[in-house]
N, C-alpha and C. Protein backbone atom coordinates (compact mmCIF):
# COMPACT_ATOMS: atom_id res chain seq x y z
N MET A 1 0.82 -1.23 -0.01
CA MET A 1 0.02 0.03 0.03
C MET A 1 0.86 1.29 0.02
N MET A 2 0.51 2.22 -0.79
CA MET A 2 1.34 3.40 -0.91
C MET A 2 1.32 4.23 0.25
N GLU A 3 2.51 4.80 0.71
CA GLU A 3 2.59 5.67 1.90
C GLU A 3 1.67 6.84 1.81
N ARG A 4 0.90 7.16 2.89
CA ARG A 4 -0.14 8.21 2.90
C ARG A 4 0.13 9.10 4.18
N THR A 5 0.14 10.39 3.91
CA THR A 5 0.12 11.38 5.00
C THR A 5 -1.32 11.98 5.10
N ARG A 6 -1.89 11.87 6.25
CA ARG A 6 -3.29 12.34 6.39
C ARG A 6 -3.38 13.66 7.14
N LEU A 7 -3.98 14.72 6.49
CA LEU A 7 -4.14 15.97 7.22
C LEU A 7 -5.56 16.17 7.67
N HIS A 8 -5.73 16.31 9.03
CA HIS A 8 -6.98 16.59 9.67
C HIS A 8 -6.93 18.19 9.70
N LEU A 9 -7.74 18.80 8.94
CA LEU A 9 -7.74 20.26 8.85
C LEU A 9 -9.03 20.82 9.42
N ILE A 10 -9.01 21.63 10.40
CA ILE A 10 -10.24 22.18 11.01
C ILE A 10 -10.20 23.70 11.03
N ARG A 11 -11.31 24.33 10.99
CA ARG A 11 -11.42 25.82 11.26
C ARG A 11 -11.66 26.03 12.68
N HIS A 12 -11.17 27.25 13.14
CA HIS A 12 -11.29 27.53 14.61
C HIS A 12 -12.90 27.56 14.91
N GLY A 13 -13.10 27.68 16.28
CA GLY A 13 -14.41 27.77 16.79
C GLY A 13 -14.93 29.11 16.51
N GLU A 14 -16.30 29.28 16.93
CA GLU A 14 -17.00 30.58 16.78
C GLU A 14 -16.26 31.65 17.59
N VAL A 15 -16.30 32.79 16.84
CA VAL A 15 -15.60 33.94 17.45
C VAL A 15 -16.64 35.08 17.69
N GLU A 16 -16.06 36.12 18.52
CA GLU A 16 -16.86 37.38 18.67
C GLU A 16 -16.77 38.10 17.35
N ARG A 17 -17.72 38.91 17.09
CA ARG A 17 -17.89 39.70 15.82
C ARG A 17 -17.73 38.75 14.62
N PRO A 18 -18.64 37.72 14.50
CA PRO A 18 -18.49 36.75 13.45
C PRO A 18 -18.83 37.26 12.12
N HIS A 19 -19.59 38.41 11.88
CA HIS A 19 -20.02 38.73 10.54
C HIS A 19 -19.09 39.94 10.03
N CYS A 20 -17.86 40.00 10.60
CA CYS A 20 -16.89 40.99 10.13
C CYS A 20 -15.76 40.45 9.50
N TYR A 21 -15.06 41.28 8.77
CA TYR A 21 -13.68 40.70 8.21
C TYR A 21 -12.59 40.86 9.23
N ASN A 22 -12.59 39.81 10.18
CA ASN A 22 -11.64 39.84 11.33
C ASN A 22 -10.20 39.70 10.89
N GLY A 23 -10.04 38.94 9.70
CA GLY A 23 -8.61 38.88 9.21
C GLY A 23 -7.57 38.56 10.36
N GLN A 24 -6.68 39.39 10.47
CA GLN A 24 -5.55 39.12 11.40
C GLN A 24 -5.78 39.78 12.83
N TYR A 25 -6.98 40.39 12.88
CA TYR A 25 -7.38 40.84 14.30
C TYR A 25 -7.39 39.63 15.16
N ASP A 26 -6.83 39.78 16.39
CA ASP A 26 -6.79 38.59 17.39
C ASP A 26 -8.14 38.57 18.09
N VAL A 27 -9.29 38.26 17.47
CA VAL A 27 -10.55 38.12 18.20
C VAL A 27 -10.62 36.99 18.98
N ARG A 28 -11.44 36.82 19.86
CA ARG A 28 -11.52 35.75 20.87
C ARG A 28 -12.78 34.82 20.56
N LEU A 29 -12.61 33.67 21.10
CA LEU A 29 -13.76 32.71 20.91
C LEU A 29 -14.90 33.08 21.81
N THR A 30 -16.08 32.85 21.37
CA THR A 30 -17.26 32.84 22.23
C THR A 30 -17.28 31.57 23.11
N ALA A 31 -18.26 31.53 24.09
CA ALA A 31 -18.41 30.26 24.81
C ALA A 31 -18.67 29.10 23.97
N ARG A 32 -19.44 29.38 22.91
CA ARG A 32 -19.93 28.31 22.02
C ARG A 32 -18.65 27.87 21.24
N GLY A 33 -17.76 28.72 20.99
CA GLY A 33 -16.52 28.44 20.23
C GLY A 33 -15.69 27.44 21.00
N GLU A 34 -15.54 27.78 22.35
CA GLU A 34 -14.84 26.91 23.18
C GLU A 34 -15.35 25.51 23.21
N GLU A 35 -16.76 25.51 23.34
CA GLU A 35 -17.53 24.19 23.35
C GLU A 35 -17.34 23.39 22.09
N GLN A 36 -17.30 24.06 21.05
CA GLN A 36 -17.15 23.47 19.67
C GLN A 36 -15.82 22.63 19.69
N TYR A 37 -14.69 23.17 20.19
CA TYR A 37 -13.51 22.50 20.29
C TYR A 37 -13.60 21.18 21.25
N GLN A 38 -14.26 21.29 22.27
CA GLN A 38 -14.44 20.20 23.20
C GLN A 38 -15.29 19.04 22.34
N LEU A 39 -16.25 19.38 21.64
CA LEU A 39 -17.06 18.44 20.94
C LEU A 39 -16.20 17.77 19.84
N LEU A 40 -15.07 18.28 19.39
CA LEU A 40 -14.33 17.66 18.39
C LEU A 40 -13.54 16.49 18.90
N LYS A 41 -13.25 16.41 20.19
CA LYS A 41 -12.43 15.38 20.81
C LYS A 41 -12.71 14.04 20.36
N PRO A 42 -13.99 13.56 20.48
CA PRO A 42 -14.34 12.16 20.16
C PRO A 42 -14.07 11.85 18.74
N ARG A 43 -13.93 12.86 17.85
CA ARG A 43 -13.72 12.64 16.41
C ARG A 43 -12.16 12.51 15.97
N LEU A 44 -11.35 12.64 17.08
CA LEU A 44 -9.86 12.68 16.82
C LEU A 44 -9.24 11.45 17.60
N ASP A 45 -8.41 10.64 17.06
CA ASP A 45 -7.79 9.51 17.80
C ASP A 45 -6.45 9.82 18.19
N PRO A 46 -6.30 9.91 19.59
CA PRO A 46 -4.96 10.30 20.11
C PRO A 46 -3.92 9.15 19.60
N ASP A 47 -4.31 7.96 19.26
CA ASP A 47 -3.27 6.95 19.03
C ASP A 47 -2.81 7.13 17.46
N ARG A 48 -3.51 8.04 16.72
CA ARG A 48 -3.06 8.13 15.42
C ARG A 48 -2.44 9.49 14.98
N ILE A 49 -2.86 10.51 15.64
CA ILE A 49 -2.44 11.92 15.37
C ILE A 49 -1.16 12.13 16.18
N SER A 50 -0.09 12.49 15.35
CA SER A 50 1.22 12.54 15.97
C SER A 50 1.72 14.05 16.02
N ALA A 51 1.01 15.01 15.51
CA ALA A 51 1.51 16.39 15.60
C ALA A 51 0.30 17.30 15.46
N LEU A 52 0.38 18.46 16.03
CA LEU A 52 -0.68 19.53 15.99
C LEU A 52 -0.07 20.95 15.65
N TYR A 53 -0.61 21.59 14.72
CA TYR A 53 -0.11 22.87 14.34
C TYR A 53 -1.34 23.90 14.37
N THR A 54 -1.13 24.99 14.73
CA THR A 54 -2.11 26.11 14.68
C THR A 54 -1.52 27.37 14.06
N SER A 55 -2.24 28.39 13.78
CA SER A 55 -1.75 29.79 13.42
C SER A 55 -1.30 30.38 14.75
N ASP A 56 -0.86 31.52 14.82
CA ASP A 56 -0.57 32.15 16.03
C ASP A 56 -1.48 33.15 16.54
N LEU A 57 -2.64 33.11 15.97
CA LEU A 57 -3.86 33.96 16.50
C LEU A 57 -4.60 33.14 17.60
N ILE A 58 -5.08 33.84 18.56
CA ILE A 58 -5.67 33.29 19.69
C ILE A 58 -6.88 32.32 19.37
N ARG A 59 -7.56 32.52 18.32
CA ARG A 59 -8.77 31.67 18.07
C ARG A 59 -8.38 30.29 17.61
N THR A 60 -7.16 30.14 17.02
CA THR A 60 -6.58 28.83 16.71
C THR A 60 -5.72 28.31 17.90
N VAL A 61 -4.89 29.22 18.50
CA VAL A 61 -4.02 28.75 19.64
C VAL A 61 -4.88 28.11 20.69
N ARG A 62 -6.13 28.70 20.93
CA ARG A 62 -6.90 28.09 21.97
C ARG A 62 -7.31 26.73 21.68
N GLY A 63 -7.47 26.41 20.35
CA GLY A 63 -7.87 25.05 19.97
C GLY A 63 -6.68 24.16 20.28
N GLY A 64 -5.50 24.63 20.03
CA GLY A 64 -4.30 23.74 20.32
C GLY A 64 -4.24 23.57 21.87
N GLU A 65 -4.62 24.48 22.63
CA GLU A 65 -4.51 24.37 24.12
C GLU A 65 -5.58 23.32 24.60
N ILE A 66 -6.67 23.30 23.88
CA ILE A 66 -7.80 22.36 24.31
C ILE A 66 -7.55 20.92 23.75
N LEU A 67 -7.09 20.83 22.47
CA LEU A 67 -6.97 19.50 21.82
C LEU A 67 -5.64 18.85 22.03
N GLY A 68 -4.51 19.70 22.32
CA GLY A 68 -3.13 19.15 22.44
C GLY A 68 -3.13 18.16 23.59
N PRO A 69 -3.56 18.44 24.78
CA PRO A 69 -3.46 17.56 25.88
C PRO A 69 -4.29 16.23 25.68
N TYR A 70 -5.42 16.42 24.94
CA TYR A 70 -6.34 15.30 24.74
C TYR A 70 -5.51 14.31 23.75
N LEU A 71 -4.84 14.76 22.89
CA LEU A 71 -4.03 14.07 21.82
C LEU A 71 -2.68 13.66 22.27
N GLY A 72 -2.29 14.24 23.37
CA GLY A 72 -0.94 13.93 23.92
C GLY A 72 0.22 14.52 22.96
N VAL A 73 -0.07 15.64 22.34
CA VAL A 73 0.95 16.28 21.56
C VAL A 73 1.05 17.77 21.93
N GLU A 74 2.22 18.36 21.65
CA GLU A 74 2.51 19.80 22.07
C GLU A 74 2.09 20.61 20.81
N PRO A 75 1.09 21.55 20.87
CA PRO A 75 0.75 22.26 19.71
C PRO A 75 1.96 23.25 19.28
N LYS A 76 2.20 23.37 17.99
CA LYS A 76 3.18 24.28 17.53
C LYS A 76 2.56 25.39 16.65
N LYS A 77 2.88 26.69 16.83
CA LYS A 77 2.38 27.82 16.21
C LYS A 77 3.16 28.04 14.80
N VAL A 78 2.26 28.24 13.85
CA VAL A 78 2.93 28.41 12.36
C VAL A 78 2.28 29.81 11.98
N PRO A 79 3.07 30.93 12.04
CA PRO A 79 2.56 32.27 11.69
C PRO A 79 2.10 32.26 10.29
N GLN A 80 2.61 31.43 9.36
CA GLN A 80 2.14 31.51 8.03
C GLN A 80 0.80 31.05 7.81
N PHE A 81 0.21 30.38 8.83
CA PHE A 81 -1.21 29.96 8.79
C PHE A 81 -2.26 30.98 9.39
N ARG A 82 -1.82 32.28 9.55
CA ARG A 82 -2.54 33.34 9.85
C ARG A 82 -3.74 33.57 8.83
N GLU A 83 -4.88 33.99 9.14
CA GLU A 83 -5.82 34.32 8.25
C GLU A 83 -5.39 35.38 7.25
N LEU A 84 -6.07 35.56 6.13
CA LEU A 84 -5.87 36.61 5.14
C LEU A 84 -5.69 38.02 5.90
N ASN A 85 -4.80 38.81 5.66
CA ASN A 85 -4.69 40.15 6.13
C ASN A 85 -5.57 41.06 5.25
N CYS A 86 -6.64 41.49 5.89
CA CYS A 86 -7.80 42.25 5.11
C CYS A 86 -7.41 43.70 5.17
N GLY A 87 -6.24 44.17 5.74
CA GLY A 87 -5.90 45.61 5.68
C GLY A 87 -6.95 46.44 6.35
N GLU A 88 -7.25 47.47 5.57
CA GLU A 88 -8.17 48.43 6.11
C GLU A 88 -9.64 47.98 6.29
N TRP A 89 -9.90 46.78 5.71
CA TRP A 89 -11.27 46.06 5.90
C TRP A 89 -11.36 45.38 7.19
N GLN A 90 -10.28 45.21 7.87
CA GLN A 90 -10.41 44.40 9.13
C GLN A 90 -11.25 45.01 10.15
N GLY A 91 -12.27 44.31 10.67
CA GLY A 91 -13.12 44.83 11.65
C GLY A 91 -14.38 45.45 11.06
N LEU A 92 -14.53 45.44 9.80
CA LEU A 92 -15.70 45.90 9.05
C LEU A 92 -16.60 44.83 8.61
N SER A 93 -17.90 45.14 8.52
CA SER A 93 -18.78 44.11 7.99
C SER A 93 -18.97 44.44 6.47
N VAL A 94 -19.53 43.39 5.85
CA VAL A 94 -19.89 43.53 4.33
C VAL A 94 -20.76 44.82 4.17
N THR A 95 -21.65 44.99 5.06
CA THR A 95 -22.63 46.16 4.84
C THR A 95 -21.74 47.44 4.95
N ASP A 96 -20.79 47.49 5.91
CA ASP A 96 -19.94 48.71 6.18
C ASP A 96 -19.20 48.91 4.81
N ILE A 97 -18.56 47.90 4.25
CA ILE A 97 -17.73 48.14 3.08
C ILE A 97 -18.62 48.46 1.86
N GLN A 98 -19.77 47.81 1.71
CA GLN A 98 -20.56 48.13 0.53
C GLN A 98 -21.05 49.64 0.57
N ARG A 99 -21.31 50.05 1.84
CA ARG A 99 -21.80 51.45 2.08
C ARG A 99 -20.64 52.55 1.85
N ASP A 100 -19.53 52.22 2.48
CA ASP A 100 -18.51 53.28 2.64
C ASP A 100 -17.40 53.10 1.66
N ARG A 101 -17.33 51.92 1.01
CA ARG A 101 -16.08 51.63 0.12
C ARG A 101 -16.67 51.02 -1.17
N PRO A 102 -17.59 51.56 -1.79
CA PRO A 102 -18.33 50.86 -2.95
C PRO A 102 -17.37 50.54 -4.02
N ASP A 103 -16.32 51.42 -4.29
CA ASP A 103 -15.46 51.14 -5.43
C ASP A 103 -14.56 49.81 -5.16
N GLU A 104 -14.17 49.89 -3.90
CA GLU A 104 -13.33 48.74 -3.53
C GLU A 104 -13.99 47.43 -3.52
N TRP A 105 -15.31 47.47 -3.22
CA TRP A 105 -16.14 46.34 -3.16
C TRP A 105 -16.34 45.90 -4.59
N ALA A 106 -16.51 46.79 -5.60
CA ALA A 106 -16.85 46.35 -6.90
C ALA A 106 -15.43 45.79 -7.43
N ALA A 107 -14.26 46.31 -7.05
CA ALA A 107 -13.08 45.84 -7.48
C ALA A 107 -12.83 44.45 -7.09
N ARG A 108 -13.20 44.10 -5.92
CA ARG A 108 -13.10 42.77 -5.28
C ARG A 108 -13.94 41.79 -6.11
N LEU A 109 -15.25 42.10 -6.38
CA LEU A 109 -16.16 41.39 -7.11
C LEU A 109 -15.72 41.05 -8.52
N ALA A 110 -14.86 42.09 -9.16
CA ALA A 110 -14.40 41.97 -10.59
C ALA A 110 -13.20 41.07 -10.63
N ASP A 111 -12.43 40.93 -9.52
CA ASP A 111 -11.20 40.11 -9.61
C ASP A 111 -10.82 39.55 -8.21
N LEU A 112 -11.57 38.55 -7.80
CA LEU A 112 -11.47 38.02 -6.43
C LEU A 112 -10.00 37.54 -6.17
N GLU A 113 -9.40 36.91 -7.20
CA GLU A 113 -8.12 36.36 -6.95
C GLU A 113 -7.04 37.38 -6.69
N HIS A 114 -6.96 38.47 -7.30
CA HIS A 114 -5.90 39.55 -7.25
C HIS A 114 -6.17 40.76 -6.46
N PHE A 115 -7.44 40.88 -6.01
CA PHE A 115 -7.81 42.05 -5.28
C PHE A 115 -7.18 42.13 -3.91
N ARG A 116 -6.75 43.24 -3.49
CA ARG A 116 -6.23 43.53 -2.16
C ARG A 116 -6.94 44.68 -1.52
N ALA A 117 -7.52 44.50 -0.39
CA ALA A 117 -7.99 45.67 0.34
C ALA A 117 -6.71 46.61 0.75
N PRO A 118 -6.87 47.80 0.88
CA PRO A 118 -5.72 48.75 1.16
C PRO A 118 -4.96 48.21 2.37
N GLY A 119 -3.75 47.99 2.15
CA GLY A 119 -2.90 47.47 3.16
C GLY A 119 -3.03 45.96 3.52
N GLY A 120 -3.67 45.32 2.66
CA GLY A 120 -3.92 43.90 2.88
C GLY A 120 -3.31 43.00 1.89
N GLU A 121 -3.74 41.70 1.85
CA GLU A 121 -3.21 40.66 1.01
C GLU A 121 -4.24 40.33 -0.13
N SER A 122 -3.63 39.76 -1.16
CA SER A 122 -4.48 39.16 -2.12
C SER A 122 -4.58 37.51 -1.79
N LEU A 123 -5.54 36.82 -2.49
CA LEU A 123 -5.56 35.43 -2.28
C LEU A 123 -4.35 34.80 -2.80
N GLY A 124 -3.65 35.29 -3.68
CA GLY A 124 -2.39 34.84 -4.27
C GLY A 124 -1.27 34.99 -3.18
N ASP A 125 -1.31 36.10 -2.42
CA ASP A 125 -0.34 36.31 -1.38
C ASP A 125 -0.60 35.46 -0.27
N LEU A 126 -1.85 34.98 -0.04
CA LEU A 126 -2.19 34.15 1.12
C LEU A 126 -1.62 32.67 0.69
N ALA A 127 -1.98 32.32 -0.49
CA ALA A 127 -1.57 30.93 -0.93
C ALA A 127 0.00 31.01 -0.92
N GLY A 128 0.61 32.06 -1.28
CA GLY A 128 2.14 32.04 -1.32
C GLY A 128 2.74 31.90 0.03
N ARG A 129 2.07 32.11 1.05
CA ARG A 129 2.72 31.85 2.40
C ARG A 129 2.11 30.57 3.05
N VAL A 130 0.94 30.28 2.77
CA VAL A 130 0.34 29.07 3.39
C VAL A 130 0.75 27.77 2.82
N LEU A 131 0.79 27.68 1.47
CA LEU A 131 1.10 26.37 0.81
C LEU A 131 2.66 25.88 1.19
N PRO A 132 3.59 26.73 1.02
CA PRO A 132 4.93 26.32 1.48
C PRO A 132 5.02 25.62 2.85
N ALA A 133 4.37 26.41 3.73
CA ALA A 133 4.41 25.97 5.11
C ALA A 133 3.67 24.56 5.29
N LEU A 134 2.61 24.44 4.47
CA LEU A 134 1.87 23.21 4.60
C LEU A 134 2.78 22.01 4.02
N LYS A 135 3.39 22.23 2.95
CA LYS A 135 4.15 21.23 2.19
C LYS A 135 5.30 20.86 2.98
N GLU A 136 5.85 21.73 3.80
CA GLU A 136 6.97 21.39 4.77
C GLU A 136 6.43 20.42 5.82
N ILE A 137 5.26 20.72 6.45
CA ILE A 137 4.68 19.85 7.40
C ILE A 137 4.40 18.47 6.93
N VAL A 138 3.81 18.45 5.74
CA VAL A 138 3.46 17.14 5.06
C VAL A 138 4.77 16.33 4.85
N ALA A 139 5.78 17.01 4.42
CA ALA A 139 7.13 16.29 4.11
C ALA A 139 7.80 15.80 5.45
N ARG A 140 7.62 16.64 6.62
CA ARG A 140 8.11 16.31 7.85
C ARG A 140 7.49 15.05 8.51
N HIS A 141 6.17 14.88 8.12
CA HIS A 141 5.46 13.86 8.85
C HIS A 141 4.97 12.83 7.78
N ARG A 142 5.74 12.41 6.92
CA ARG A 142 5.36 11.41 5.85
C ARG A 142 4.94 10.14 6.54
N GLY A 143 3.78 9.56 6.16
CA GLY A 143 3.22 8.39 6.57
C GLY A 143 2.49 8.53 7.94
N GLU A 144 2.37 9.75 8.47
CA GLU A 144 1.69 9.96 9.70
C GLU A 144 0.42 10.77 9.40
N GLU A 145 -0.27 11.03 10.63
CA GLU A 145 -1.56 11.80 10.65
C GLU A 145 -1.30 13.01 11.42
N VAL A 146 -1.47 14.24 10.88
CA VAL A 146 -1.38 15.50 11.68
C VAL A 146 -2.62 16.35 11.67
N LEU A 147 -2.71 17.16 12.66
CA LEU A 147 -3.92 18.03 12.74
C LEU A 147 -3.46 19.54 12.57
N VAL A 148 -4.11 20.32 11.79
CA VAL A 148 -3.88 21.70 11.80
C VAL A 148 -5.23 22.41 11.92
N VAL A 149 -5.04 23.40 12.89
CA VAL A 149 -6.25 24.31 13.30
C VAL A 149 -5.87 25.68 12.65
N ALA A 150 -6.74 26.06 11.70
CA ALA A 150 -6.49 27.27 10.96
C ALA A 150 -7.74 28.06 10.81
N HIS A 151 -7.88 28.69 9.70
CA HIS A 151 -8.95 29.71 9.47
C HIS A 151 -9.68 29.47 8.21
N GLY A 152 -10.91 29.99 8.10
CA GLY A 152 -11.72 29.72 6.86
C GLY A 152 -10.94 30.02 5.50
N GLY A 153 -10.33 31.09 5.49
CA GLY A 153 -9.49 31.46 4.23
C GLY A 153 -8.25 30.55 4.00
N VAL A 154 -7.52 30.20 5.01
CA VAL A 154 -6.34 29.34 4.99
C VAL A 154 -6.85 27.92 4.49
N ASN A 155 -7.94 27.51 5.16
CA ASN A 155 -8.38 26.18 4.75
C ASN A 155 -8.90 26.08 3.36
N ARG A 156 -9.64 27.03 2.83
CA ARG A 156 -10.03 27.06 1.48
C ARG A 156 -8.79 27.09 0.54
N ILE A 157 -7.71 27.68 0.82
CA ILE A 157 -6.59 27.71 0.07
C ILE A 157 -6.01 26.31 -0.04
N ILE A 158 -5.86 25.68 1.11
CA ILE A 158 -5.34 24.29 1.14
C ILE A 158 -6.16 23.33 0.35
N LEU A 159 -7.52 23.42 0.53
CA LEU A 159 -8.48 22.53 -0.16
C LEU A 159 -8.42 22.83 -1.69
N MET A 160 -8.38 23.96 -2.06
CA MET A 160 -8.31 24.28 -3.53
C MET A 160 -7.01 23.80 -4.07
N ASP A 161 -5.99 23.93 -3.47
CA ASP A 161 -4.72 23.31 -3.91
C ASP A 161 -4.75 21.90 -4.06
N ALA A 162 -5.55 21.15 -3.07
CA ALA A 162 -5.61 19.70 -3.03
C ALA A 162 -6.33 19.23 -4.24
N ILE A 163 -7.35 19.93 -4.76
CA ILE A 163 -8.06 19.44 -5.82
C ILE A 163 -7.77 20.20 -7.17
N GLY A 164 -6.75 21.10 -7.11
CA GLY A 164 -6.47 21.79 -8.27
C GLY A 164 -7.33 22.81 -8.85
N ALA A 165 -8.11 23.44 -7.84
CA ALA A 165 -9.06 24.45 -8.28
C ALA A 165 -8.43 25.81 -8.37
N PRO A 166 -8.90 26.72 -9.13
CA PRO A 166 -8.31 28.03 -9.20
C PRO A 166 -8.70 28.83 -7.94
N LEU A 167 -7.96 29.86 -7.71
CA LEU A 167 -8.25 30.76 -6.58
C LEU A 167 -9.54 31.54 -6.71
N SER A 168 -9.93 31.69 -7.99
CA SER A 168 -11.30 32.41 -8.21
C SER A 168 -12.45 31.59 -7.73
N SER A 169 -12.21 30.24 -7.36
CA SER A 169 -13.31 29.42 -6.87
C SER A 169 -13.36 29.48 -5.28
N PHE A 170 -12.73 30.45 -4.63
CA PHE A 170 -12.39 30.59 -3.30
C PHE A 170 -13.73 30.38 -2.43
N PHE A 171 -14.84 30.93 -2.91
CA PHE A 171 -16.01 30.79 -2.09
C PHE A 171 -16.93 29.60 -2.50
N SER A 172 -16.41 28.80 -3.38
CA SER A 172 -17.18 27.52 -3.79
C SER A 172 -17.09 26.52 -2.60
N ILE A 173 -16.18 26.70 -1.72
CA ILE A 173 -16.04 25.82 -0.57
C ILE A 173 -16.45 26.45 0.74
N ASP A 174 -17.27 25.91 1.44
CA ASP A 174 -17.79 26.38 2.71
C ASP A 174 -16.83 25.94 3.78
N GLN A 175 -16.68 26.83 4.90
CA GLN A 175 -15.95 26.41 6.09
C GLN A 175 -16.62 26.83 7.27
N GLN A 176 -17.32 25.93 8.01
CA GLN A 176 -18.10 26.25 9.25
C GLN A 176 -17.17 26.31 10.34
N TYR A 177 -17.51 26.95 11.46
CA TYR A 177 -16.77 26.80 12.79
C TYR A 177 -16.47 25.46 13.13
N CYS A 178 -15.23 25.06 13.45
CA CYS A 178 -14.87 23.78 13.85
C CYS A 178 -15.21 22.63 12.79
N GLY A 179 -15.42 23.04 11.57
CA GLY A 179 -15.63 22.05 10.48
C GLY A 179 -14.41 21.27 10.24
N MET A 180 -14.57 19.97 10.01
CA MET A 180 -13.45 19.03 9.82
C MET A 180 -13.30 18.74 8.27
N ASN A 181 -12.03 18.83 7.77
CA ASN A 181 -11.70 18.45 6.35
C ASN A 181 -10.52 17.37 6.67
N LEU A 182 -10.57 16.30 5.76
CA LEU A 182 -9.61 15.38 5.65
C LEU A 182 -8.93 15.26 4.33
N ILE A 183 -7.58 15.35 4.19
CA ILE A 183 -6.96 15.39 3.00
C ILE A 183 -5.88 14.31 3.12
N ASP A 184 -5.77 13.45 2.08
CA ASP A 184 -4.56 12.40 2.11
C ASP A 184 -3.68 12.75 0.90
N TYR A 185 -2.39 12.90 1.48
CA TYR A 185 -1.26 13.20 0.52
C TYR A 185 -0.40 11.91 0.36
N TYR A 186 -0.36 11.52 -0.95
CA TYR A 186 0.25 10.12 -1.23
C TYR A 186 1.77 10.38 -1.69
N ALA A 187 2.51 9.43 -1.52
CA ALA A 187 3.95 9.51 -1.85
C ALA A 187 4.24 9.75 -3.32
N ASP A 188 3.29 9.31 -4.21
CA ASP A 188 3.42 9.60 -5.58
C ASP A 188 2.99 10.96 -6.07
N GLY A 189 2.67 11.83 -5.04
CA GLY A 189 2.22 13.12 -5.56
C GLY A 189 0.76 13.39 -5.64
N ASN A 190 0.08 12.31 -5.62
CA ASN A 190 -1.43 12.41 -5.64
C ASN A 190 -2.03 12.92 -4.33
N THR A 191 -3.06 13.64 -4.50
CA THR A 191 -3.82 14.07 -3.18
C THR A 191 -5.33 13.80 -3.34
N VAL A 192 -5.90 13.36 -2.25
CA VAL A 192 -7.26 12.94 -2.31
C VAL A 192 -7.94 13.65 -1.10
N VAL A 193 -8.97 14.37 -1.37
CA VAL A 193 -9.78 14.99 -0.31
C VAL A 193 -10.82 14.04 0.03
N GLN A 194 -10.85 13.59 1.26
CA GLN A 194 -11.83 12.70 1.80
C GLN A 194 -13.06 13.18 2.48
N LEU A 195 -12.96 14.35 2.96
CA LEU A 195 -14.02 15.06 3.70
C LEU A 195 -13.90 16.57 3.59
N VAL A 196 -14.90 17.30 3.45
CA VAL A 196 -14.91 18.70 3.44
C VAL A 196 -16.03 19.25 4.38
N ASN A 197 -15.60 20.08 5.33
CA ASN A 197 -16.56 20.78 6.28
C ASN A 197 -17.53 19.83 6.93
N GLY A 198 -16.90 18.69 7.38
CA GLY A 198 -17.75 17.63 8.07
C GLY A 198 -17.98 17.97 9.49
């Protein structure tokens, strides 16, 4: 049987200000968000998962603090797994942006892949920092199972890369709070997505 590295990829739990572009703001989890991490435990096998990585933002770090002791692994922070930097949009709702920055909103709709909010990143920028960090982790843990706790945008980048989808399809994949994705990386270079947003 061909060597397989399995990635358990989850989004963080529910956060305060959920309908805003939080981006790299260090927003905190709600009580429900904390509970969502607890509810994940029965779905994760401590005997199989050998490593745990999170971004360095508190909403994922907290997941590492909750799940790490259960799995018997020490969480490691990977700054490259931070959410998309939304620049001047951070902290704003869609309604705020559509009302106060209509030209920027129109530019985003016209070119989702390359648009950058002022002071922020494009999806290409995000992919450029997330995917090399992920590939390093997969190579480091060949034949093992690892858990990554990241963000909706980061997870979409990883999933689209796994299936070879263009960045313009970014919103064709949903990512619910604490949703689980499973991706198998094979030694021959093939990648198989086993579960999305489960």
